[in-house]
Amino acid sequence: MTFSYSITLSSFLNIQKNEIETLENLGQLGLTEVELYGEPDSMNWDHLKDLLNSFEIRVIGITGMWGRSSSNGWKRRLLSTDKSILKYSEDYVLKCIKLCNYFGGKRINLCLFSDPIYSFDLTHRNVMENDKTKVLKSCVPLLNRLLKNAKEENVSLMVEPLNRYSTPYCCTCLDVIPLIEKCDDLKLMLDTFHMNIEEDSFEDTILNSQSTLSHMHFAENNRKMPGFGHIDFDMIVKTLKKISYRGKICFEPTISNRNYLTAVNFGLDHIKKLDLKY
């Protein structure tokens, strides 16, 4: 197989009995790499590191807990106009960089949330391109400060475009390109769940982003494991092979049932078969 596979530990936070049970289950599935959830203030770093080591599970990076993924996500807004919110957001990323380095990870995803917008229906409309460009440009100095710190810690920062139901400012690969042009070392991460909503073509997006694409999250259109929805993972895997993608593939399913082993194993096997096919 060409690719290496991991999964986000954040997927299990709401249903796990304890961390030991989760790690035991992942070990049964042969998953030896994970993305650690980015909650540096609420975890026992030493204990969790010892626990991961005992199961021989390696941390490849940190999943940023943005937006509704965390009780504190609402104030993690890198596009805010509120200086106190911006300071909190910057401090949050700096702590995640430390966390990532401590656990031996190499990457963190940045999701560009803004202050709430009440002027239009977020669920159906996008902001005008000029407004989008202006807002995204405002975060360049902050991104460059964070990138400098991340480089010193041997950690990469990646911008992850989200769908319009999360944020109207950074929804597609094209939205990220101007930031990458102004920020040395900034990388792109793509998530198939968000791509399914916002991108015109999985194939074209991957082909056009091959020089900056460093990480992938895999999840179905319904946020389940691959194979339980209608996303064309055959095309996605084929295209990743075409660009000689060497980044990680990390599954980010929504897990709502503690009897998840069969479903996760099915999705993992589904992608591995496609990996072997091409």
C-alpha atoms as a PDB file:
ATOM      1  CA  MET A   1       0.000   0.000   0.000  1.00  0.00           C
ATOM      2  CA  THR A   2       1.098   3.558  -0.731  1.00  0.00           C
ATOM      3  CA  PHE A   3      -0.614   5.440   2.075  1.00  0.00           C
ATOM      4  CA  SER A   4      -0.377   5.334   5.853  1.00  0.00           C
ATOM      5  CA  TYR A   5      -3.575   5.588   7.860  1.00  0.00           C
ATOM      6  CA  SER A   6      -4.561   7.257  11.102  1.00  0.00           C
ATOM      7  CA  ILE A   7      -7.708   8.443  12.846  1.00  0.00           C
ATOM      8  CA  THR A   8      -8.751  11.456  14.925  1.00  0.00           C
ATOM      9  CA  LEU A   9      -9.106  10.774  18.646  1.00  0.00           C
ATOM     10  CA  SER A  10     -11.603  13.642  18.790  1.00  0.00           C
ATOM     11  CA  SER A  11     -14.056  11.340  16.997  1.00  0.00           C
ATOM     12  CA  PHE A  12     -14.365   9.243  20.148  1.00  0.00           C
ATOM     13  CA  LEU A  13     -14.506  11.913  22.856  1.00  0.00           C
ATOM     14  CA  ASN A  14     -18.286  11.956  23.230  1.00  0.00           C
ATOM     15  CA  ILE A  15     -18.792   8.199  23.376  1.00  0.00           C
ATOM     16  CA  GLN A  16     -15.687   6.658  24.903  1.00  0.00           C
ATOM     17  CA  LYS A  17     -15.898   4.968  28.286  1.00  0.00           C
ATOM     18  CA  ASN A  18     -12.269   5.888  28.865  1.00  0.00           C
ATOM     19  CA  GLU A  19      -9.129   6.497  26.831  1.00  0.00           C
ATOM     20  CA  ILE A  20      -7.815   2.996  27.496  1.00  0.00           C
ATOM     21  CA  GLU A  21     -10.874   1.430  25.879  1.00  0.00           C
ATOM     22  CA  THR A  22     -10.517   3.655  22.804  1.00  0.00           C
ATOM     23  CA  LEU A  23      -6.824   2.882  22.345  1.00  0.00           C
ATOM     24  CA  GLU A  24      -7.441  -0.852  22.827  1.00  0.00           C
ATOM     25  CA  ASN A  25     -10.127  -0.755  20.135  1.00  0.00           C
ATOM     26  CA  LEU A  26      -7.926   1.156  17.701  1.00  0.00           C
ATOM     27  CA  GLY A  27      -5.140  -1.324  18.321  1.00  0.00           C
ATOM     28  CA  GLN A  28      -7.516  -4.165  17.395  1.00  0.00           C
ATOM     29  CA  LEU A  29      -8.089  -2.447  14.061  1.00  0.00           C
ATOM     30  CA  GLY A  30      -4.353  -2.156  13.421  1.00  0.00           C
ATOM     31  CA  LEU A  31      -4.390   1.645  13.675  1.00  0.00           C
ATOM     32  CA  THR A  32      -1.097   2.703  15.213  1.00  0.00           C
ATOM     33  CA  GLU A  33      -1.201   6.428  14.386  1.00  0.00           C
ATOM     34  CA  VAL A  34      -3.643   9.057  15.625  1.00  0.00           C
ATOM     35  CA  GLU A  35      -4.327  12.765  15.615  1.00  0.00           C
ATOM     36  CA  LEU A  36      -4.573  13.998  19.174  1.00  0.00           C
ATOM     37  CA  TYR A  37      -7.408  16.432  19.966  1.00  0.00           C
ATOM     38  CA  GLY A  38      -6.240  19.988  20.575  1.00  0.00           C
ATOM     39  CA  GLU A  39      -7.322  20.679  24.151  1.00  0.00           C
ATOM     40  CA  PRO A  40      -3.996  21.519  25.808  1.00  0.00           C
ATOM     41  CA  ASP A  41      -5.535  23.040  28.945  1.00  0.00           C
ATOM     42  CA  SER A  42      -7.773  20.103  29.829  1.00  0.00           C
ATOM     43  CA  MET A  43      -5.528  17.067  29.425  1.00  0.00           C
ATOM     44  CA  ASN A  44      -2.809  15.464  31.511  1.00  0.00           C
ATOM     45  CA  TRP A  45       0.052  15.564  29.025  1.00  0.00           C
ATOM     46  CA  ASP A  46       2.366  13.156  30.828  1.00  0.00           C
ATOM     47  CA  HIS A  47      -0.338  10.589  31.601  1.00  0.00           C
ATOM     48  CA  LEU A  48      -1.696  10.570  28.055  1.00  0.00           C
ATOM     49  CA  LYS A  49       1.778  10.289  26.560  1.00  0.00           C
ATOM     50  CA  ASP A  50       2.548   7.305  28.767  1.00  0.00           C
ATOM     51  CA  LEU A  51      -0.784   5.743  27.814  1.00  0.00           C
ATOM     52  CA  LEU A  52      -0.168   6.174  24.089  1.00  0.00           C
ATOM     53  CA  ASN A  53       3.326   4.766  24.419  1.00  0.00           C
ATOM     54  CA  SER A  54       2.008   1.728  26.295  1.00  0.00           C
ATOM     55  CA  PHE A  55      -0.224   0.913  23.309  1.00  0.00           C
ATOM     56  CA  GLU A  56       2.570   1.773  20.852  1.00  0.00           C
ATOM     57  CA  ILE A  57       0.367   4.396  19.217  1.00  0.00           C
ATOM     58  CA  ARG A  58       2.106   7.365  17.638  1.00  0.00           C
ATOM     59  CA  VAL A  59       0.724  10.916  17.467  1.00  0.00           C
ATOM     60  CA  ILE A  60       1.084  12.377  13.963  1.00  0.00           C
ATOM     61  CA  GLY A  61      -0.426  15.744  14.751  1.00  0.00           C
ATOM     62  CA  ILE A  62      -3.090  17.783  16.512  1.00  0.00           C
ATOM     63  CA  THR A  63      -6.705  18.167  15.445  1.00  0.00           C
ATOM     64  CA  GLY A  64      -7.642  21.769  16.168  1.00  0.00           C
ATOM     65  CA  MET A  65     -10.859  21.929  18.176  1.00  0.00           C
ATOM     66  CA  TRP A  66     -12.564  24.802  16.402  1.00  0.00           C
ATOM     67  CA  GLY A  67     -16.153  25.995  16.280  1.00  0.00           C
ATOM     68  CA  ARG A  68     -18.730  23.614  17.718  1.00  0.00           C
ATOM     69  CA  SER A  69     -16.206  20.828  18.219  1.00  0.00           C
ATOM     70  CA  SER A  70     -15.378  22.256  21.661  1.00  0.00           C
ATOM     71  CA  SER A  71     -17.084  24.210  24.419  1.00  0.00           C
ATOM     72  CA  ASN A  72     -14.324  26.792  23.998  1.00  0.00           C
ATOM     73  CA  GLY A  73     -14.382  26.692  20.205  1.00  0.00           C
ATOM     74  CA  TRP A  74     -16.626  29.757  19.934  1.00  0.00           C
ATOM     75  CA  LYS A  75     -13.747  32.015  21.018  1.00  0.00           C
ATOM     76  CA  ARG A  76     -11.116  30.413  18.788  1.00  0.00           C
ATOM     77  CA  ARG A  77     -11.501  32.827  15.886  1.00  0.00           C
ATOM     78  CA  LEU A  78      -8.412  33.712  13.881  1.00  0.00           C
ATOM     79  CA  LEU A  79     -10.487  36.135  11.775  1.00  0.00           C
ATOM     80  CA  SER A  80     -12.039  38.034  14.669  1.00  0.00           C
ATOM     81  CA  THR A  81     -12.015  41.828  14.857  1.00  0.00           C
ATOM     82  CA  ASP A  82     -12.065  41.613  18.653  1.00  0.00           C
ATOM     83  CA  LYS A  83      -8.508  41.968  19.970  1.00  0.00           C
ATOM     84  CA  SER A  84      -9.205  39.896  23.076  1.00  0.00           C
ATOM     85  CA  ILE A  85     -10.616  37.061  20.961  1.00  0.00           C
ATOM     86  CA  LEU A  86      -7.636  37.259  18.602  1.00  0.00           C
ATOM     87  CA  LYS A  87      -5.231  37.093  21.547  1.00  0.00           C
ATOM     88  CA  TYR A  88      -7.059  34.071  22.966  1.00  0.00           C
ATOM     89  CA  SER A  89      -6.982  32.397  19.538  1.00  0.00           C
ATOM     90  CA  GLU A  90      -3.284  33.069  19.063  1.00  0.00           C
ATOM     91  CA  ASP A  91      -2.490  31.729  22.532  1.00  0.00           C
ATOM     92  CA  TYR A  92      -4.582  28.647  21.766  1.00  0.00           C
ATOM     93  CA  VAL A  93      -2.585  27.839  18.638  1.00  0.00           C
ATOM     94  CA  LEU A  94       0.706  28.464  20.443  1.00  0.00           C
ATOM     95  CA  LYS A  95      -0.334  25.977  23.141  1.00  0.00           C
ATOM     96  CA  CYS A  96      -1.323  23.455  20.465  1.00  0.00           C
ATOM     97  CA  ILE A  97       2.100  23.866  18.845  1.00  0.00           C
ATOM     98  CA  LYS A  98       3.741  23.056  22.194  1.00  0.00           C
ATOM     99  CA  LEU A  99       1.373  20.115  22.629  1.00  0.00           C
ATOM    100  CA  CYS A 100       2.136  18.817  19.158  1.00  0.00           C
ATOM    101  CA  ASN A 101       5.877  19.009  19.678  1.00  0.00           C
ATOM    102  CA  TYR A 102       5.635  17.320  23.097  1.00  0.00           C
ATOM    103  CA  PHE A 103       3.815  14.328  21.617  1.00  0.00           C
ATOM    104  CA  GLY A 104       6.091  14.119  18.584  1.00  0.00           C
ATOM    105  CA  GLY A 105       3.446  15.268  16.109  1.00  0.00           C
ATOM    106  CA  LYS A 106       4.227  17.268  12.988  1.00  0.00           C
ATOM    107  CA  ARG A 107       1.061  19.093  11.925  1.00  0.00           C
ATOM    108  CA  ILE A 108      -1.885  21.179  13.141  1.00  0.00           C
ATOM    109  CA  ASN A 109      -4.956  22.227  11.162  1.00  0.00           C
ATOM    110  CA  LEU A 110      -6.088  25.832  11.357  1.00  0.00           C
ATOM    111  CA  CYS A 111      -9.757  26.563  10.666  1.00  0.00           C
ATOM    112  CA  LEU A 112     -10.474  30.207   9.939  1.00  0.00           C
ATOM    113  CA  PHE A 113     -13.525  31.178  11.935  1.00  0.00           C
ATOM    114  CA  SER A 114     -14.783  34.740  12.126  1.00  0.00           C
ATOM    115  CA  ASP A 115     -17.112  36.670  14.388  1.00  0.00           C
ATOM    116  CA  PRO A 116     -20.801  35.811  13.880  1.00  0.00           C
ATOM    117  CA  ILE A 117     -22.380  37.396  10.813  1.00  0.00           C
ATOM    118  CA  TYR A 118     -26.014  38.381  11.190  1.00  0.00           C
ATOM    119  CA  SER A 119     -26.518  40.188   7.890  1.00  0.00           C
ATOM    120  CA  PHE A 120     -27.442  37.139   5.817  1.00  0.00           C
ATOM    121  CA  ASP A 121     -28.391  33.480   5.954  1.00  0.00           C
ATOM    122  CA  LEU A 122     -25.121  31.588   6.458  1.00  0.00           C
ATOM    123  CA  THR A 123     -26.666  28.294   5.443  1.00  0.00           C
ATOM    124  CA  HIS A 124     -27.275  29.268   1.830  1.00  0.00           C
ATOM    125  CA  ARG A 125     -25.114  32.199   0.796  1.00  0.00           C
ATOM    126  CA  ASN A 126     -21.453  33.076   0.476  1.00  0.00           C
ATOM    127  CA  VAL A 127     -19.844  36.456   1.114  1.00  0.00           C
ATOM    128  CA  MET A 128     -18.716  38.520  -1.864  1.00  0.00           C
ATOM    129  CA  GLU A 129     -15.235  37.732  -3.137  1.00  0.00           C
ATOM    130  CA  ASN A 130     -13.879  41.210  -2.349  1.00  0.00           C
ATOM    131  CA  ASP A 131     -15.121  40.983   1.228  1.00  0.00           C
ATOM    132  CA  LYS A 132     -13.712  37.488   1.579  1.00  0.00           C
ATOM    133  CA  THR A 133     -10.283  38.552   0.324  1.00  0.00           C
ATOM    134  CA  LYS A 134     -10.201  41.548   2.663  1.00  0.00           C
ATOM    135  CA  VAL A 135     -11.064  39.488   5.744  1.00  0.00           C
ATOM    136  CA  LEU A 136      -8.628  36.682   4.935  1.00  0.00           C
ATOM    137  CA  LYS A 137      -5.852  39.204   4.286  1.00  0.00           C
ATOM    138  CA  SER A 138      -6.334  40.574   7.805  1.00  0.00           C
ATOM    139  CA  CYS A 139      -5.031  37.365   9.384  1.00  0.00           C
ATOM    140  CA  VAL A 140      -1.741  37.232   7.431  1.00  0.00           C
ATOM    141  CA  PRO A 141       0.411  38.937  10.129  1.00  0.00           C
ATOM    142  CA  LEU A 142      -1.003  36.620  12.789  1.00  0.00           C
ATOM    143  CA  LEU A 143      -0.438  33.537  10.624  1.00  0.00           C
ATOM    144  CA  ASN A 144       3.153  34.542   9.995  1.00  0.00           C
ATOM    145  CA  ARG A 145       3.802  34.935  13.726  1.00  0.00           C
ATOM    146  CA  LEU A 146       2.331  31.506  14.373  1.00  0.00           C
ATOM    147  CA  LEU A 147       4.294  29.963  11.506  1.00  0.00           C
ATOM    148  CA  LYS A 148       7.534  31.329  12.905  1.00  0.00           C
ATOM    149  CA  ASN A 149       6.827  29.736  16.269  1.00  0.00           C
ATOM    150  CA  ALA A 150       5.709  26.468  14.675  1.00  0.00           C
ATOM    151  CA  LYS A 151       8.902  26.231  12.632  1.00  0.00           C
ATOM    152  CA  GLU A 152      10.968  26.563  15.807  1.00  0.00           C
ATOM    153  CA  GLU A 153       9.001  23.622  17.254  1.00  0.00           C
ATOM    154  CA  ASN A 154       9.327  21.554  14.047  1.00  0.00           C
ATOM    155  CA  VAL A 155       5.567  21.669  13.457  1.00  0.00           C
ATOM    156  CA  SER A 156       3.677  22.481  10.241  1.00  0.00           C
ATOM    157  CA  LEU A 157       0.538  24.618  10.162  1.00  0.00           C
ATOM    158  CA  MET A 158      -2.130  23.823   7.596  1.00  0.00           C
ATOM    159  CA  VAL A 159      -5.260  25.753   6.663  1.00  0.00           C
ATOM    160  CA  GLU A 160      -8.327  23.533   6.330  1.00  0.00           C
ATOM    161  CA  PRO A 161     -11.156  24.952   4.194  1.00  0.00           C
ATOM    162  CA  LEU A 162     -14.545  24.324   5.801  1.00  0.00           C
ATOM    163  CA  ASN A 163     -18.011  24.309   4.301  1.00  0.00           C
ATOM    164  CA  ARG A 164     -20.259  27.374   4.382  1.00  0.00           C
ATOM    165  CA  TYR A 165     -22.260  26.040   7.320  1.00  0.00           C
ATOM    166  CA  SER A 166     -19.143  26.541   9.464  1.00  0.00           C
ATOM    167  CA  THR A 167     -17.550  29.655   8.010  1.00  0.00           C
ATOM    168  CA  PRO A 168     -18.186  31.752   4.884  1.00  0.00           C
ATOM    169  CA  TYR A 169     -14.619  33.011   4.470  1.00  0.00           C
ATOM    170  CA  CYS A 170     -12.433  29.976   3.834  1.00  0.00           C
ATOM    171  CA  CYS A 171     -14.462  27.275   2.131  1.00  0.00           C
ATOM    172  CA  THR A 172     -12.424  26.097  -0.854  1.00  0.00           C
ATOM    173  CA  CYS A 173      -8.895  25.373  -1.954  1.00  0.00           C
ATOM    174  CA  LEU A 174      -8.934  28.613  -3.962  1.00  0.00           C
ATOM    175  CA  ASP A 175      -9.651  30.602  -0.801  1.00  0.00           C
ATOM    176  CA  VAL A 176      -6.435  29.323   0.783  1.00  0.00           C
ATOM    177  CA  ILE A 177      -4.084  30.071  -2.138  1.00  0.00           C
ATOM    178  CA  PRO A 178      -3.746  33.854  -1.441  1.00  0.00           C
ATOM    179  CA  LEU A 179      -2.804  33.057   2.166  1.00  0.00           C
ATOM    180  CA  ILE A 180      -0.198  30.506   1.112  1.00  0.00           C
ATOM    181  CA  GLU A 181       1.286  33.058  -1.282  1.00  0.00           C
ATOM    182  CA  LYS A 182       1.721  35.539   1.595  1.00  0.00           C
ATOM    183  CA  CYS A 183       2.775  33.089   4.301  1.00  0.00           C
ATOM    184  CA  ASP A 184       5.947  31.083   3.914  1.00  0.00           C
ATOM    185  CA  ASP A 185       5.628  27.448   5.045  1.00  0.00           C
ATOM    186  CA  LEU A 186       1.819  27.543   5.274  1.00  0.00           C
ATOM    187  CA  LYS A 187       0.308  24.338   3.888  1.00  0.00           C
ATOM    188  CA  LEU A 188      -3.086  23.137   2.709  1.00  0.00           C
ATOM    189  CA  MET A 189      -5.186  20.389   4.234  1.00  0.00           C
ATOM    190  CA  LEU A 190      -8.262  18.989   2.490  1.00  0.00           C
ATOM    191  CA  ASP A 191     -11.238  17.264   4.098  1.00  0.00           C
ATOM    192  CA  THR A 192     -13.492  15.179   1.852  1.00  0.00           C
ATOM    193  CA  PHE A 193     -16.603  15.983   3.912  1.00  0.00           C
ATOM    194  CA  HIS A 194     -16.165  19.720   3.321  1.00  0.00           C
ATOM    195  CA  MET A 195     -14.975  19.238  -0.265  1.00  0.00           C
ATOM    196  CA  ASN A 196     -18.185  17.358  -1.063  1.00  0.00           C
ATOM    197  CA  ILE A 197     -20.172  20.495  -0.231  1.00  0.00           C
ATOM    198  CA  GLU A 198     -17.948  23.251  -1.599  1.00  0.00           C
ATOM    199  CA  GLU A 199     -15.611  22.018  -4.339  1.00  0.00           C
ATOM    200  CA  ASP A 200     -16.721  21.571  -7.948  1.00  0.00           C
ATOM    201  CA  SER A 201     -14.530  18.516  -8.460  1.00  0.00           C
ATOM    202  CA  PHE A 202     -12.545  16.255  -6.141  1.00  0.00           C
ATOM    203  CA  GLU A 203     -10.135  15.455  -8.953  1.00  0.00           C
ATOM    204  CA  ASP A 204      -9.495  19.027 -10.101  1.00  0.00           C
ATOM    205  CA  THR A 205      -9.079  20.316  -6.547  1.00  0.00           C
ATOM    206  CA  ILE A 206      -6.466  17.686  -5.701  1.00  0.00           C
ATOM    207  CA  LEU A 207      -4.625  18.152  -8.995  1.00  0.00           C
ATOM    208  CA  ASN A 208      -4.573  21.945  -8.639  1.00  0.00           C
ATOM    209  CA  SER A 209      -3.356  21.836  -5.032  1.00  0.00           C
ATOM    210  CA  GLN A 210      -0.663  19.188  -5.356  1.00  0.00           C
ATOM    211  CA  SER A 211       2.215  21.572  -4.625  1.00  0.00           C
ATOM    212  CA  THR A 212       0.784  22.664  -1.270  1.00  0.00           C
ATOM    213  CA  LEU A 213      -1.356  19.701  -0.177  1.00  0.00           C
ATOM    214  CA  SER A 214       0.176  18.103   2.907  1.00  0.00           C
ATOM    215  CA  HIS A 215      -2.661  16.280   4.688  1.00  0.00           C
ATOM    216  CA  MET A 216      -6.071  14.691   4.082  1.00  0.00           C
ATOM    217  CA  HIS A 217      -9.061  14.010   6.278  1.00  0.00           C
ATOM    218  CA  PHE A 218     -11.351  11.277   4.987  1.00  0.00           C
ATOM    219  CA  ALA A 219     -15.051  11.184   5.907  1.00  0.00           C
ATOM    220  CA  GLU A 220     -18.224  10.543   3.963  1.00  0.00           C
ATOM    221  CA  ASN A 221     -20.844  13.106   2.937  1.00  0.00           C
ATOM    222  CA  ASN A 222     -22.756  12.045   6.078  1.00  0.00           C
ATOM    223  CA  ARG A 223     -19.566  12.234   8.187  1.00  0.00           C
ATOM    224  CA  LYS A 224     -19.393   8.450   8.522  1.00  0.00           C
ATOM    225  CA  MET A 225     -16.442   6.276   7.556  1.00  0.00           C
ATOM    226  CA  PRO A 226     -15.763   5.893   3.813  1.00  0.00           C
ATOM    227  CA  GLY A 227     -18.085   3.414   2.126  1.00  0.00           C
ATOM    228  CA  PHE A 228     -21.218   4.453   4.038  1.00  0.00           C
ATOM    229  CA  GLY A 229     -22.138   7.368   1.768  1.00  0.00           C
ATOM    230  CA  HIS A 230     -21.879   8.572  -1.818  1.00  0.00           C
ATOM    231  CA  ILE A 231     -18.454  10.271  -2.028  1.00  0.00           C
ATOM    232  CA  ASP A 232     -16.339   8.927  -4.891  1.00  0.00           C
ATOM    233  CA  PHE A 233     -13.328   7.738  -2.898  1.00  0.00           C
ATOM    234  CA  ASP A 234     -12.247   5.677  -5.890  1.00  0.00           C
ATOM    235  CA  MET A 235     -11.588   8.913  -7.793  1.00  0.00           C
ATOM    236  CA  ILE A 236     -10.001  10.567  -4.759  1.00  0.00           C
ATOM    237  CA  VAL A 237      -7.534   7.740  -4.142  1.00  0.00           C
ATOM    238  CA  LYS A 238      -6.776   7.460  -7.856  1.00  0.00           C
ATOM    239  CA  THR A 239      -6.038  11.200  -8.058  1.00  0.00           C
ATOM    240  CA  LEU A 240      -3.857  11.159  -4.934  1.00  0.00           C
ATOM    241  CA  LYS A 241      -1.846   8.378  -6.565  1.00  0.00           C
ATOM    242  CA  LYS A 242      -1.615  10.453  -9.741  1.00  0.00           C
ATOM    243  CA  ILE A 243       0.063  13.353  -7.900  1.00  0.00           C
ATOM    244  CA  SER A 244       2.283  10.954  -5.905  1.00  0.00           C
ATOM    245  CA  TYR A 245       0.750  12.189  -2.658  1.00  0.00           C
ATOM    246  CA  ARG A 246       2.981  11.340   0.296  1.00  0.00           C
ATOM    247  CA  GLY A 247       1.041  13.014   3.088  1.00  0.00           C
ATOM    248  CA  LYS A 248      -1.104  11.272   5.662  1.00  0.00           C
ATOM    249  CA  ILE A 249      -4.659  10.028   5.282  1.00  0.00           C
ATOM    250  CA  CYS A 250      -6.509  10.481   8.550  1.00  0.00           C
ATOM    251  CA  PHE A 251     -10.069   9.328   9.081  1.00  0.00           C
ATOM    252  CA  GLU A 252     -12.326  11.831  10.841  1.00  0.00           C
ATOM    253  CA  PRO A 253     -15.707  10.144  11.265  1.00  0.00           C
ATOM    254  CA  THR A 254     -18.486  11.181  13.584  1.00  0.00           C
ATOM    255  CA  ILE A 255     -18.829   8.286  16.036  1.00  0.00           C
ATOM    256  CA  SER A 256     -22.165   8.118  17.861  1.00  0.00           C
ATOM    257  CA  ASN A 257     -22.276   4.471  18.937  1.00  0.00           C
ATOM    258  CA  ARG A 258     -19.811   2.663  21.169  1.00  0.00           C
ATOM    259  CA  ASN A 259     -20.158  -0.425  18.967  1.00  0.00           C
ATOM    260  CA  TYR A 260     -18.127   1.259  16.268  1.00  0.00           C
ATOM    261  CA  LEU A 261     -15.457  -1.341  15.568  1.00  0.00           C
ATOM    262  CA  THR A 262     -17.205  -2.971  12.607  1.00  0.00           C
ATOM    263  CA  ALA A 263     -17.988   0.341  10.915  1.00  0.00           C
ATOM    264  CA  VAL A 264     -14.491   1.768  11.358  1.00  0.00           C
ATOM    265  CA  ASN A 265     -12.933  -1.468  10.156  1.00  0.00           C
ATOM    266  CA  PHE A 266     -15.207  -1.497   7.080  1.00  0.00           C
ATOM    267  CA  GLY A 267     -14.218   2.062   6.145  1.00  0.00           C
ATOM    268  CA  LEU A 268     -10.533   1.376   6.690  1.00  0.00           C
ATOM    269  CA  ASP A 269     -10.720  -1.778   4.570  1.00  0.00           C
ATOM    270  CA  HIS A 270     -12.674   0.086   1.878  1.00  0.00           C
ATOM    271  CA  ILE A 271      -9.878   2.632   1.408  1.00  0.00           C
ATOM    272  CA  LYS A 272      -7.088   0.063   1.687  1.00  0.00           C
ATOM    273  CA  LYS A 273      -8.642  -1.895  -1.201  1.00  0.00           C
ATOM    274  CA  LEU A 274      -8.657   1.265  -3.331  1.00  0.00           C
ATOM    275  CA  ASP A 275      -5.057   1.924  -2.287  1.00  0.00           C
ATOM    276  CA  LEU A 276      -4.082  -1.519  -3.601  1.00  0.00           C
ATOM    277  CA  LYS A 277      -6.179  -1.079  -6.746  1.00  0.00           C
ATOM    278  CA  TYR A 278      -4.069   1.743  -8.229  1.00  0.00           C
END
